[in-house]
C-alpha atoms as a PDB file:
ATOM      1  CA  MET A   1     -14.857   8.570  -5.299  1.00  0.00           C
ATOM      2  CA  PHE A   2     -13.330   5.772  -7.397  1.00  0.00           C
ATOM      3  CA  ALA A   3     -13.319   3.414  -4.424  1.00  0.00           C
ATOM      4  CA  GLU A   4     -17.058   4.034  -4.046  1.00  0.00           C
ATOM      5  CA  SER A   5     -18.183   4.111  -7.672  1.00  0.00           C
ATOM      6  CA  GLY A   6     -15.519   2.177  -9.567  1.00  0.00           C
ATOM      7  CA  ALA A   7     -14.601   2.943 -13.161  1.00  0.00           C
ATOM      8  CA  GLY A   8     -17.931   4.659 -13.733  1.00  0.00           C
ATOM      9  CA  ALA A   9     -17.006   7.517 -11.439  1.00  0.00           C
ATOM     10  CA  SER A  10     -17.172  10.717 -13.408  1.00  0.00           C
ATOM     11  CA  THR A  11     -14.485  13.330 -13.345  1.00  0.00           C
ATOM     12  CA  GLN A  12     -17.290  15.850 -12.965  1.00  0.00           C
ATOM     13  CA  GLU A  13     -18.366  14.200  -9.687  1.00  0.00           C
ATOM     14  CA  VAL A  14     -14.746  14.202  -8.515  1.00  0.00           C
ATOM     15  CA  ALA A  15     -14.634  17.956  -9.163  1.00  0.00           C
ATOM     16  CA  ARG A  16     -17.942  18.525  -7.371  1.00  0.00           C
ATOM     17  CA  ARG A  17     -16.791  16.629  -4.279  1.00  0.00           C
ATOM     18  CA  ALA A  18     -13.473  18.460  -4.293  1.00  0.00           C
ATOM     19  CA  GLY A  19     -15.326  21.770  -4.459  1.00  0.00           C
ATOM     20  CA  VAL A  20     -13.643  22.870  -7.681  1.00  0.00           C
ATOM     21  CA  ALA A  21     -14.725  23.446 -11.263  1.00  0.00           C
ATOM     22  CA  ILE A  22     -14.309  20.647 -13.781  1.00  0.00           C
ATOM     23  CA  GLY A  23     -11.804  22.819 -15.675  1.00  0.00           C
ATOM     24  CA  THR A  24      -9.578  22.873 -12.588  1.00  0.00           C
ATOM     25  CA  VAL A  25      -9.534  19.089 -12.473  1.00  0.00           C
ATOM     26  CA  PHE A  26      -8.707  18.824 -16.174  1.00  0.00           C
ATOM     27  CA  ARG A  27      -6.031  21.515 -15.909  1.00  0.00           C
ATOM     28  CA  HIS A  28      -4.198  19.407 -13.310  1.00  0.00           C
ATOM     29  CA  PHE A  29      -5.216  15.975 -14.634  1.00  0.00           C
ATOM     30  CA  PRO A  30      -5.881  16.048 -18.395  1.00  0.00           C
ATOM     31  CA  THR A  31      -7.139  12.451 -18.380  1.00  0.00           C
ATOM     32  CA  LYS A  32      -8.757  10.124 -15.877  1.00  0.00           C
ATOM     33  CA  ASN A  33      -5.583   8.019 -16.048  1.00  0.00           C
ATOM     34  CA  ASP A  34      -3.535  11.036 -14.931  1.00  0.00           C
ATOM     35  CA  LEU A  35      -5.891  11.486 -11.986  1.00  0.00           C
ATOM     36  CA  LEU A  36      -5.649   7.795 -11.069  1.00  0.00           C
ATOM     37  CA  ALA A  37      -1.837   7.859 -11.254  1.00  0.00           C
ATOM     38  CA  ALA A  38      -1.813  10.922  -8.972  1.00  0.00           C
ATOM     39  CA  ILE A  39      -4.053   9.090  -6.502  1.00  0.00           C
ATOM     40  CA  MET A  40      -1.639   6.166  -6.444  1.00  0.00           C
ATOM     41  CA  LYS A  41       1.400   8.414  -6.009  1.00  0.00           C
ATOM     42  CA  ARG A  42      -0.313  10.171  -3.123  1.00  0.00           C
ATOM     43  CA  LEU A  43      -1.227   6.849  -1.516  1.00  0.00           C
ATOM     44  CA  LEU A  44       2.368   5.637  -1.779  1.00  0.00           C
ATOM     45  CA  ALA A  45       3.658   8.926  -0.335  1.00  0.00           C
ATOM     46  CA  ARG A  46       1.253   8.554   2.592  1.00  0.00           C
ATOM     47  CA  LEU A  47       2.471   5.003   3.185  1.00  0.00           C
ATOM     48  CA  VAL A  48       6.078   6.208   3.212  1.00  0.00           C
ATOM     49  CA  ALA A  49       5.130   8.857   5.789  1.00  0.00           C
ATOM     50  CA  GLU A  50       3.332   6.264   7.930  1.00  0.00           C
ATOM     51  CA  ALA A  51       6.328   3.941   7.785  1.00  0.00           C
ATOM     52  CA  GLY A  52       8.535   6.831   8.872  1.00  0.00           C
ATOM     53  CA  GLN A  53       6.378   7.390  11.951  1.00  0.00           C
ATOM     54  CA  LEU A  54       6.663   3.782  13.046  1.00  0.00           C
ATOM     55  CA  GLY A  55       9.784   2.403  14.554  1.00  0.00           C
ATOM     56  CA  GLY A  56      11.320   0.164  17.090  1.00  0.00           C
ATOM     57  CA  GLY A  57      11.027  -3.565  17.180  1.00  0.00           C
ATOM     58  CA  ASP A  58       7.373  -3.824  16.214  1.00  0.00           C
ATOM     59  CA  GLY A  59       7.191  -1.064  13.595  1.00  0.00           C
ATOM     60  CA  LEU A  60       7.553  -3.489  10.703  1.00  0.00           C
ATOM     61  CA  PHE A  61       4.759  -5.685  12.051  1.00  0.00           C
ATOM     62  CA  ASP A  62       2.514  -2.663  12.630  1.00  0.00           C
ATOM     63  CA  PHE A  63       3.163  -1.495   9.072  1.00  0.00           C
ATOM     64  CA  PHE A  64       2.306  -4.937   7.675  1.00  0.00           C
ATOM     65  CA  ARG A  65      -1.002  -4.919   9.545  1.00  0.00           C
ATOM     66  CA  ARG A  66      -1.920  -1.401   8.418  1.00  0.00           C
ATOM     67  CA  LEU A  67      -0.969  -1.935   4.804  1.00  0.00           C
ATOM     68  CA  VAL A  68      -2.847  -5.201   4.414  1.00  0.00           C
ATOM     69  CA  ALA A  69      -5.922  -3.754   6.144  1.00  0.00           C
ATOM     70  CA  GLN A  70      -5.902  -0.781   3.770  1.00  0.00           C
ATOM     71  CA  ALA A  71      -5.348  -2.893   0.647  1.00  0.00           C
ATOM     72  CA  ALA A  72      -8.894  -4.228   0.446  1.00  0.00           C
ATOM     73  CA  GLY A  73     -10.281  -0.701   0.602  1.00  0.00           C
ATOM     74  CA  LYS A  74      -8.137   0.351  -2.339  1.00  0.00           C
ATOM     75  CA  ARG A  75      -9.272  -2.522  -4.578  1.00  0.00           C
ATOM     76  CA  SER A  76     -11.371  -0.318  -6.888  1.00  0.00           C
ATOM     77  CA  VAL A  77      -8.588   2.179  -7.497  1.00  0.00           C
ATOM     78  CA  VAL A  78      -5.962  -0.497  -8.144  1.00  0.00           C
ATOM     79  CA  ASP A  79      -8.317  -2.357 -10.495  1.00  0.00           C
ATOM     80  CA  LEU A  80      -8.998   0.872 -12.377  1.00  0.00           C
ATOM     81  CA  LEU A  81      -5.300   1.599 -12.687  1.00  0.00           C
ATOM     82  CA  ALA A  82      -4.619  -1.869 -14.054  1.00  0.00           C
ATOM     83  CA  ARG A  83      -7.501  -1.679 -16.557  1.00  0.00           C
ATOM     84  CA  ALA A  84      -6.448   1.781 -17.646  1.00  0.00           C
ATOM     85  CA  GLY A  85      -2.899   0.606 -18.238  1.00  0.00           C
ATOM     86  CA  VAL A  86      -1.494   3.033 -15.668  1.00  0.00           C
ATOM     87  CA  ASP A  87       1.946   2.004 -14.443  1.00  0.00           C
ATOM     88  CA  VAL A  88       1.105   1.155 -10.837  1.00  0.00           C
ATOM     89  CA  ARG A  89       4.767   0.537 -10.131  1.00  0.00           C
ATOM     90  CA  LEU A  90       5.492   4.280 -10.245  1.00  0.00           C
ATOM     91  CA  PRO A  91       9.225   3.595  -9.817  1.00  0.00           C
ATOM     92  CA  ASP A  92      10.189   6.654  -7.754  1.00  0.00           C
ATOM     93  CA  ALA A  93       7.290   6.347  -5.316  1.00  0.00           C
ATOM     94  CA  VAL A  94       7.747   2.601  -4.930  1.00  0.00           C
ATOM     95  CA  GLY A  95      11.468   3.127  -4.377  1.00  0.00           C
ATOM     96  CA  HIS A  96      10.729   5.504  -1.506  1.00  0.00           C
ATOM     97  CA  LEU A  97       8.337   2.974  -0.006  1.00  0.00           C
ATOM     98  CA  GLU A  98      10.965   0.256  -0.299  1.00  0.00           C
ATOM     99  CA  GLN A  99      13.488   2.490   1.491  1.00  0.00           C
ATOM    100  CA  ALA A 100      10.994   3.144   4.291  1.00  0.00           C
ATOM    101  CA  VAL A 101      10.261  -0.561   4.704  1.00  0.00           C
ATOM    102  CA  GLY A 102      14.019  -1.201   4.666  1.00  0.00           C
ATOM    103  CA  GLY A 103      14.376   1.221   7.564  1.00  0.00           C
ATOM    104  CA  LEU A 104      11.657  -0.574   9.513  1.00  0.00           C
ATOM    105  CA  LEU A 105      13.347  -3.909   8.794  1.00  0.00           C
ATOM    106  CA  ALA A 106      16.725  -2.629   9.994  1.00  0.00           C
ATOM    107  CA  GLN A 107      15.169  -1.283  13.203  1.00  0.00           C
ATOM    108  CA  ALA A 108      13.336  -4.550  13.854  1.00  0.00           C
ATOM    109  CA  GLN A 109      16.503  -6.547  13.263  1.00  0.00           C
ATOM    110  CA  ALA A 110      18.492  -4.250  15.565  1.00  0.00           C
ATOM    111  CA  ALA A 111      15.816  -4.705  18.246  1.00  0.00           C
ATOM    112  CA  GLY A 112      15.940  -8.475  17.795  1.00  0.00           C
ATOM    113  CA  THR A 113      12.290  -8.860  16.767  1.00  0.00           C
ATOM    114  CA  VAL A 114      13.127  -9.930  13.196  1.00  0.00           C
ATOM    115  CA  THR A 115      15.805 -12.449  12.300  1.00  0.00           C
ATOM    116  CA  THR A 116      18.880 -11.041  10.609  1.00  0.00           C
ATOM    117  CA  GLU A 117      18.548 -13.750   7.945  1.00  0.00           C
ATOM    118  CA  VAL A 118      15.594 -11.914   6.369  1.00  0.00           C
ATOM    119  CA  ARG A 119      16.352  -9.502   3.529  1.00  0.00           C
ATOM    120  CA  LEU A 120      14.377  -6.537   2.227  1.00  0.00           C
ATOM    121  CA  ALA A 121      13.474  -8.289  -1.040  1.00  0.00           C
ATOM    122  CA  GLU A 122      11.785 -11.055   0.944  1.00  0.00           C
ATOM    123  CA  VAL A 123       9.853  -8.591   3.104  1.00  0.00           C
ATOM    124  CA  MET A 124       8.680  -6.669   0.027  1.00  0.00           C
ATOM    125  CA  ALA A 125       7.596  -9.919  -1.649  1.00  0.00           C
ATOM    126  CA  LEU A 126       5.578 -10.845   1.455  1.00  0.00           C
ATOM    127  CA  LEU A 127       3.989  -7.393   1.632  1.00  0.00           C
ATOM    128  CA  VAL A 128       3.035  -7.464  -2.038  1.00  0.00           C
ATOM    129  CA  SER A 129       1.659 -10.987  -1.766  1.00  0.00           C
ATOM    130  CA  MET A 130      -0.473 -10.175   1.263  1.00  0.00           C
ATOM    131  CA  CYS A 131      -1.797  -6.999  -0.345  1.00  0.00           C
ATOM    132  CA  GLN A 132      -2.601  -8.854  -3.570  1.00  0.00           C
ATOM    133  CA  GLY A 133      -4.564 -11.404  -1.562  1.00  0.00           C
ATOM    134  CA  ALA A 134      -6.501  -8.660   0.196  1.00  0.00           C
ATOM    135  CA  LEU A 135      -7.077  -6.789  -3.071  1.00  0.00           C
ATOM    136  CA  HIS A 136      -8.629  -9.759  -4.777  1.00  0.00           C
ATOM    137  CA  GLY A 137     -11.214 -10.248  -2.072  1.00  0.00           C
ATOM    138  CA  GLY A 138     -12.521 -13.296  -0.331  1.00  0.00           C
ATOM    139  CA  TRP A 139     -10.572 -12.367   2.772  1.00  0.00           C
ATOM    140  CA  ASP A 140     -12.197 -11.888   6.102  1.00  0.00           C
ATOM    141  CA  GLU A 141     -10.478 -10.475   9.139  1.00  0.00           C
ATOM    142  CA  THR A 142      -9.821 -13.927  10.586  1.00  0.00           C
ATOM    143  CA  LEU A 143      -8.010 -15.148   7.468  1.00  0.00           C
ATOM    144  CA  GLN A 144      -6.027 -11.929   7.309  1.00  0.00           C
ATOM    145  CA  ASP A 145      -4.975 -12.239  10.971  1.00  0.00           C
ATOM    146  CA  ARG A 146      -4.015 -15.901  10.568  1.00  0.00           C
ATOM    147  CA  ALA A 147      -1.975 -15.235   7.420  1.00  0.00           C
ATOM    148  CA  LEU A 148      -0.155 -12.349   9.125  1.00  0.00           C
ATOM    149  CA  ALA A 149       0.553 -14.574  12.149  1.00  0.00           C
ATOM    150  CA  VAL A 150       2.211 -17.133   9.876  1.00  0.00           C
ATOM    151  CA  ILE A 151       4.355 -14.446   8.253  1.00  0.00           C
ATOM    152  CA  PHE A 152       5.282 -12.843  11.567  1.00  0.00           C
ATOM    153  CA  THR A 153       6.305 -16.217  12.975  1.00  0.00           C
ATOM    154  CA  GLY A 154       8.595 -16.710   9.984  1.00  0.00           C
ATOM    155  CA  LEU A 155      10.141 -13.275  10.395  1.00  0.00           C
ATOM    156  CA  ARG A 156      10.881 -13.620  14.101  1.00  0.00           C
ATOM    157  CA  PRO A 157      14.204 -15.047  15.293  1.00  0.00           C
ATOM    158  CA  HIS A 158      14.105 -18.786  15.763  1.00  0.00           C
ATOM    159  CA  ARG A 159      15.093 -19.774  19.262  1.00  0.00           C
ATOM    160  CA  ALA A 160      16.372 -23.277  19.887  1.00  0.00           C
END
């Protein structure tokens, strides 16, 4: 709903689409900010689950592709969260995501598809940067693919 309508989306319309009464929405989410924070927590939990389903040597690369592709579609929600002053870092949820990405990194390094010189902090910085680029628009699929190719080349082991 927020991705479609932006900040103007009414809580009443959210309730209607969810098939519940407006009182039910307000009972669980007293403010729109509470609803937006719950959306973000749920999104992060879904990303952690997706990361857990991926594995092997290419799991980290697959996760990068999926996350960046999804970022542009979440632009409205992230913008709303920022404008509303909602803490988009959500420390616990982000920590779980970081652990999941760390697992993908360890698997990729064990499989030899990512250099052992790369650390989790670097991978997270690259993920955040790519998602920020996608969130702020102006990206087409070609630019996204080219940027990911540059990152993936940097992550792969360098053979002499």
